[in-house]
Amino acid sequence: MQDLNWLDNKLEKLESISCIISLPPHKIVFAESSTADYIYYIHEGYIKCYYNTADGKEIIISINKKNELIDLPAILLNKKHNAFAKTISHCVVWKIAGEDFKQLLLQDAEMAYNVTRLLCLYINKSYSRLETLLASDTESRLAKLLYYLADDKDYKQKTYRLNYHLTHQELGDMIGACRQTITNILGKFRNKGYIKINKHSGIEIKCQDE
């Protein structure tokens, strides 16, 4: 999936109306059902959006990374946040007042176009997630999920890398499988050479030919 690259002059405009904050791992950025007064641009790091089920499970909706804006719909539609947002790694985030952001879009057509492209990227991601959930067996669902989550892609070498840490429980909750099943399948993938797992550098995924 193609990433979004901002033009330098557009980033300068965005930065000019931002408050730059540094956040440690596992820090709540905003809570579900809270008022969406600000939008957040990720300059560095990874942030997950998730909601909690009635039985206490944390279901991840999306993993957001550098160059992305978190929860655009809440700002543009004047809605409350429909999920929690929490940092996975150390993050540098630009915090922007929602009204300032909307004024910028009205004044700058190129900026509005960039944001439209970002919304299209999110739609494509939702299609990928749906495809993952519709896979017939758990191994296929997990394989598709890993490809979806990977953000460092070397198409020439046919390798993808997931550069942040998710627990086996989190991966399982994203595809409707238990933690032990995920552990077993990841072990199987590793033994077959499909993936390499490193506690510090994440998961390297070898793209398999059809």
Protein backbone atom coordinates (compact mmCIF):
# COMPACT_ATOMS: atom_id res chain seq x y z
CA MET A 1 0.00 0.00 0.00
CA GLN A 2 1.40 3.38 -1.01
CA ASP A 3 2.29 5.75 1.82
CA LEU A 4 1.37 9.41 1.88
CA ASN A 5 4.22 11.89 1.46
CA TRP A 6 3.59 15.53 2.34
CA LEU A 7 5.26 18.37 0.46
CA ASP A 8 7.74 20.26 2.65
CA ASN A 9 5.89 23.56 2.34
CA LYS A 10 2.65 21.89 3.45
CA LEU A 11 4.34 20.39 6.48
CA GLU A 12 5.69 23.84 7.34
CA LYS A 13 2.16 25.24 7.27
CA LEU A 14 0.92 22.38 9.42
CA GLU A 15 3.77 22.83 11.88
CA SER A 16 3.12 26.58 12.11
CA ILE A 17 -0.30 25.97 13.72
CA SER A 18 0.85 23.03 15.86
CA CYS A 19 1.95 22.46 19.42
CA ILE A 20 4.76 19.87 19.23
CA ILE A 21 4.67 17.29 22.01
CA SER A 22 6.83 14.27 22.87
CA LEU A 23 5.02 11.22 24.23
CA PRO A 24 6.41 8.06 25.87
CA PRO A 25 5.22 4.56 24.92
CA HIS A 26 1.78 3.48 26.22
CA LYS A 27 0.52 7.04 26.65
CA ILE A 28 -3.17 7.75 26.03
CA VAL A 29 -3.54 10.46 23.38
CA PHE A 30 -7.33 10.68 23.61
CA ALA A 31 -10.16 8.59 25.04
CA GLU A 32 -13.21 7.07 23.41
CA SER A 33 -16.26 9.40 23.44
CA SER A 34 -14.14 12.41 24.39
CA THR A 35 -14.65 15.70 22.54
CA ALA A 36 -12.50 15.98 19.42
CA ASP A 37 -11.04 19.47 19.86
CA TYR A 38 -7.64 18.61 18.36
CA ILE A 39 -6.20 16.60 15.52
CA TYR A 40 -2.82 14.90 15.79
CA TYR A 41 -0.15 14.60 13.11
CA ILE A 42 2.43 11.86 13.77
CA HIS A 43 5.94 13.17 13.12
CA GLU A 44 7.66 10.13 14.66
CA GLY A 45 6.52 6.82 16.11
CA TYR A 46 3.43 4.62 16.10
CA ILE A 47 -0.01 5.12 17.65
CA LYS A 48 -2.78 2.54 17.85
CA CYS A 49 -6.49 3.31 17.82
CA TYR A 50 -8.66 0.78 19.64
CA TYR A 51 -11.83 0.23 21.60
CA ASN A 52 -12.62 -1.91 24.63
CA THR A 53 -15.27 -4.61 24.44
CA ALA A 54 -17.80 -5.31 27.19
CA ASP A 55 -15.70 -8.26 28.39
CA GLY A 56 -12.56 -6.13 28.66
CA LYS A 57 -10.80 -7.01 25.42
CA GLU A 58 -8.85 -4.32 23.60
CA ILE A 59 -9.62 -4.47 19.88
CA ILE A 60 -7.17 -2.55 17.68
CA ILE A 61 -8.84 -0.68 14.83
CA SER A 62 -5.74 0.78 13.21
CA ILE A 63 -2.02 1.33 13.61
CA ASN A 64 -1.02 4.86 12.64
CA LYS A 65 2.51 5.92 11.75
CA LYS A 66 4.65 8.83 10.54
CA ASN A 67 2.90 11.32 8.21
CA GLU A 68 -0.60 10.27 9.29
CA LEU A 69 -3.33 12.28 11.00
CA ILE A 70 -5.33 10.56 13.73
CA ASP A 71 -9.14 10.47 13.65
CA LEU A 72 -9.80 12.86 10.78
CA PRO A 73 -13.55 12.01 10.66
CA ALA A 74 -14.13 13.21 14.23
CA ILE A 75 -12.71 16.65 13.41
CA LEU A 76 -14.24 17.06 9.95
CA LEU A 77 -17.69 15.80 11.02
CA ASN A 78 -17.69 17.50 14.44
CA LYS A 79 -18.09 14.16 16.21
CA LYS A 80 -16.62 12.75 19.40
CA HIS A 81 -13.72 10.31 19.21
CA ASN A 82 -15.08 6.82 18.50
CA ALA A 83 -12.02 5.03 19.91
CA PHE A 84 -9.03 5.34 22.22
CA ALA A 85 -5.62 6.35 20.85
CA LYS A 86 -2.43 5.21 22.61
CA THR A 87 1.24 5.38 21.68
CA ILE A 88 3.01 2.09 20.92
CA SER A 89 6.49 3.62 20.82
CA HIS A 90 8.02 6.95 21.71
CA CYS A 91 6.22 9.53 19.57
CA VAL A 92 6.63 13.11 18.46
CA VAL A 93 3.17 14.47 17.69
CA TRP A 94 1.93 17.78 16.34
CA LYS A 95 -1.22 18.76 18.22
CA ILE A 96 -3.44 21.04 16.13
CA ALA A 97 -6.65 22.79 17.15
CA GLY A 98 -9.51 21.41 15.07
CA GLU A 99 -10.82 24.83 14.02
CA ASP A 100 -7.34 25.98 12.94
CA PHE A 101 -6.96 22.81 10.89
CA LYS A 102 -10.31 23.28 9.14
CA GLN A 103 -9.47 26.90 8.33
CA LEU A 104 -6.19 25.76 6.80
CA LEU A 105 -8.05 23.31 4.56
CA LEU A 106 -10.42 26.05 3.40
CA GLN A 107 -7.50 28.33 2.54
CA ASP A 108 -5.16 25.82 0.89
CA ALA A 109 -6.46 23.57 -1.90
CA GLU A 110 -3.27 21.49 -2.04
CA MET A 111 -3.49 20.81 1.68
CA ALA A 112 -7.12 19.77 1.28
CA TYR A 113 -6.07 17.46 -1.56
CA ASN A 114 -3.42 15.86 0.67
CA VAL A 115 -6.00 15.24 3.36
CA THR A 116 -8.40 13.76 0.79
CA ARG A 117 -5.64 11.36 -0.29
CA LEU A 118 -5.09 10.44 3.35
CA LEU A 119 -8.79 9.63 3.77
CA CYS A 120 -8.59 7.45 0.65
CA LEU A 121 -5.60 5.67 2.19
CA TYR A 122 -7.68 4.94 5.29
CA ILE A 123 -10.50 3.56 3.12
CA ASN A 124 -8.03 1.24 1.37
CA LYS A 125 -6.78 0.10 4.77
CA SER A 126 -10.32 -0.71 5.85
CA TYR A 127 -10.76 -2.83 2.70
CA SER A 128 -7.56 -4.69 3.57
CA ARG A 129 -8.80 -5.33 7.10
CA LEU A 130 -12.11 -6.64 5.76
CA GLU A 131 -10.26 -8.97 3.39
CA THR A 132 -8.22 -10.22 6.35
CA LEU A 133 -11.32 -10.98 8.42
CA LEU A 134 -12.99 -12.80 5.53
CA ALA A 135 -10.08 -15.23 5.06
CA SER A 136 -11.32 -18.78 5.60
CA ASP A 137 -8.77 -20.06 8.12
CA THR A 138 -6.77 -18.59 10.98
CA GLU A 139 -3.37 -19.05 9.31
CA SER A 140 -4.53 -17.08 6.26
CA ARG A 141 -6.05 -14.36 8.45
CA LEU A 142 -2.82 -13.98 10.42
CA ALA A 143 -0.66 -13.93 7.27
CA LYS A 144 -2.85 -11.23 5.71
CA LEU A 145 -2.81 -9.25 8.96
CA LEU A 146 1.00 -9.27 9.11
CA TYR A 147 1.23 -8.01 5.52
CA TYR A 148 -1.34 -5.33 6.34
CA LEU A 149 0.49 -4.16 9.47
CA ALA A 150 3.99 -4.14 7.93
CA ASP A 151 5.17 -0.62 7.15
CA ASP A 152 8.77 -1.07 5.97
CA LYS A 153 8.52 -2.79 2.59
CA ASP A 154 11.37 -3.78 0.29
CA TYR A 155 9.57 -4.88 -2.87
CA LYS A 156 12.82 -5.76 -4.66
CA GLN A 157 13.89 -8.16 -1.91
CA LYS A 158 10.28 -9.22 -1.32
CA THR A 159 10.52 -8.57 2.40
CA TYR A 160 8.26 -6.59 4.71
CA ARG A 161 9.02 -5.51 8.26
CA LEU A 162 6.78 -4.80 11.21
CA ASN A 163 8.88 -2.35 13.24
CA TYR A 164 6.77 -2.14 16.39
CA HIS A 165 5.69 -4.64 19.02
CA LEU A 166 2.22 -6.13 19.32
CA THR A 167 1.46 -8.93 21.76
CA HIS A 168 0.14 -12.28 20.57
CA GLN A 169 -3.08 -11.43 22.39
CA GLU A 170 -3.45 -8.17 20.44
CA LEU A 171 -2.84 -9.96 17.13
CA GLY A 172 -5.36 -12.62 18.09
CA ASP A 173 -8.03 -10.11 19.06
CA MET A 174 -7.65 -8.41 15.67
CA ILE A 175 -8.59 -11.60 13.79
CA GLY A 176 -10.77 -13.42 16.31
CA ALA A 177 -8.24 -16.00 17.53
CA CYS A 178 -6.86 -16.89 20.95
CA ARG A 179 -3.33 -16.02 22.06
CA GLN A 180 -2.08 -19.63 22.07
CA THR A 181 -3.26 -20.16 18.49
CA ILE A 182 -1.32 -17.07 17.37
CA THR A 183 1.79 -18.27 19.20
CA ASN A 184 1.56 -21.67 17.50
CA ILE A 185 1.02 -20.23 14.01
CA LEU A 186 3.87 -17.72 14.36
CA GLY A 187 6.12 -20.60 15.40
CA LYS A 188 5.02 -22.52 12.33
CA PHE A 189 5.66 -19.51 10.07
CA ARG A 190 9.12 -19.07 11.60
CA ASN A 191 10.03 -22.75 11.17
CA LYS A 192 9.03 -22.59 7.50
CA GLY A 193 11.14 -19.48 6.95
CA TYR A 194 8.18 -17.21 6.26
CA ILE A 195 9.11 -14.82 9.08
CA LYS A 196 12.00 -13.88 11.34
CA ILE A 197 11.18 -12.63 14.83
CA ASN A 198 13.46 -10.33 16.80
CA LYS A 199 12.40 -8.96 20.19
CA HIS A 200 14.14 -5.66 19.50
CA SER A 201 13.67 -5.09 15.75
CA GLY A 202 10.21 -6.61 15.20
CA ILE A 203 9.09 -9.14 12.59
CA GLU A 204 10.59 -9.56 9.12
CA ILE A 205 8.14 -11.12 6.67
CA LYS A 206 9.19 -12.89 3.49
CA CYS A 207 6.70 -12.28 0.70
CA GLN A 208 5.50 -15.61 -0.68
CA ASP A 209 4.88 -16.06 -4.40
CA GLU A 210 1.34 -16.98 -5.34
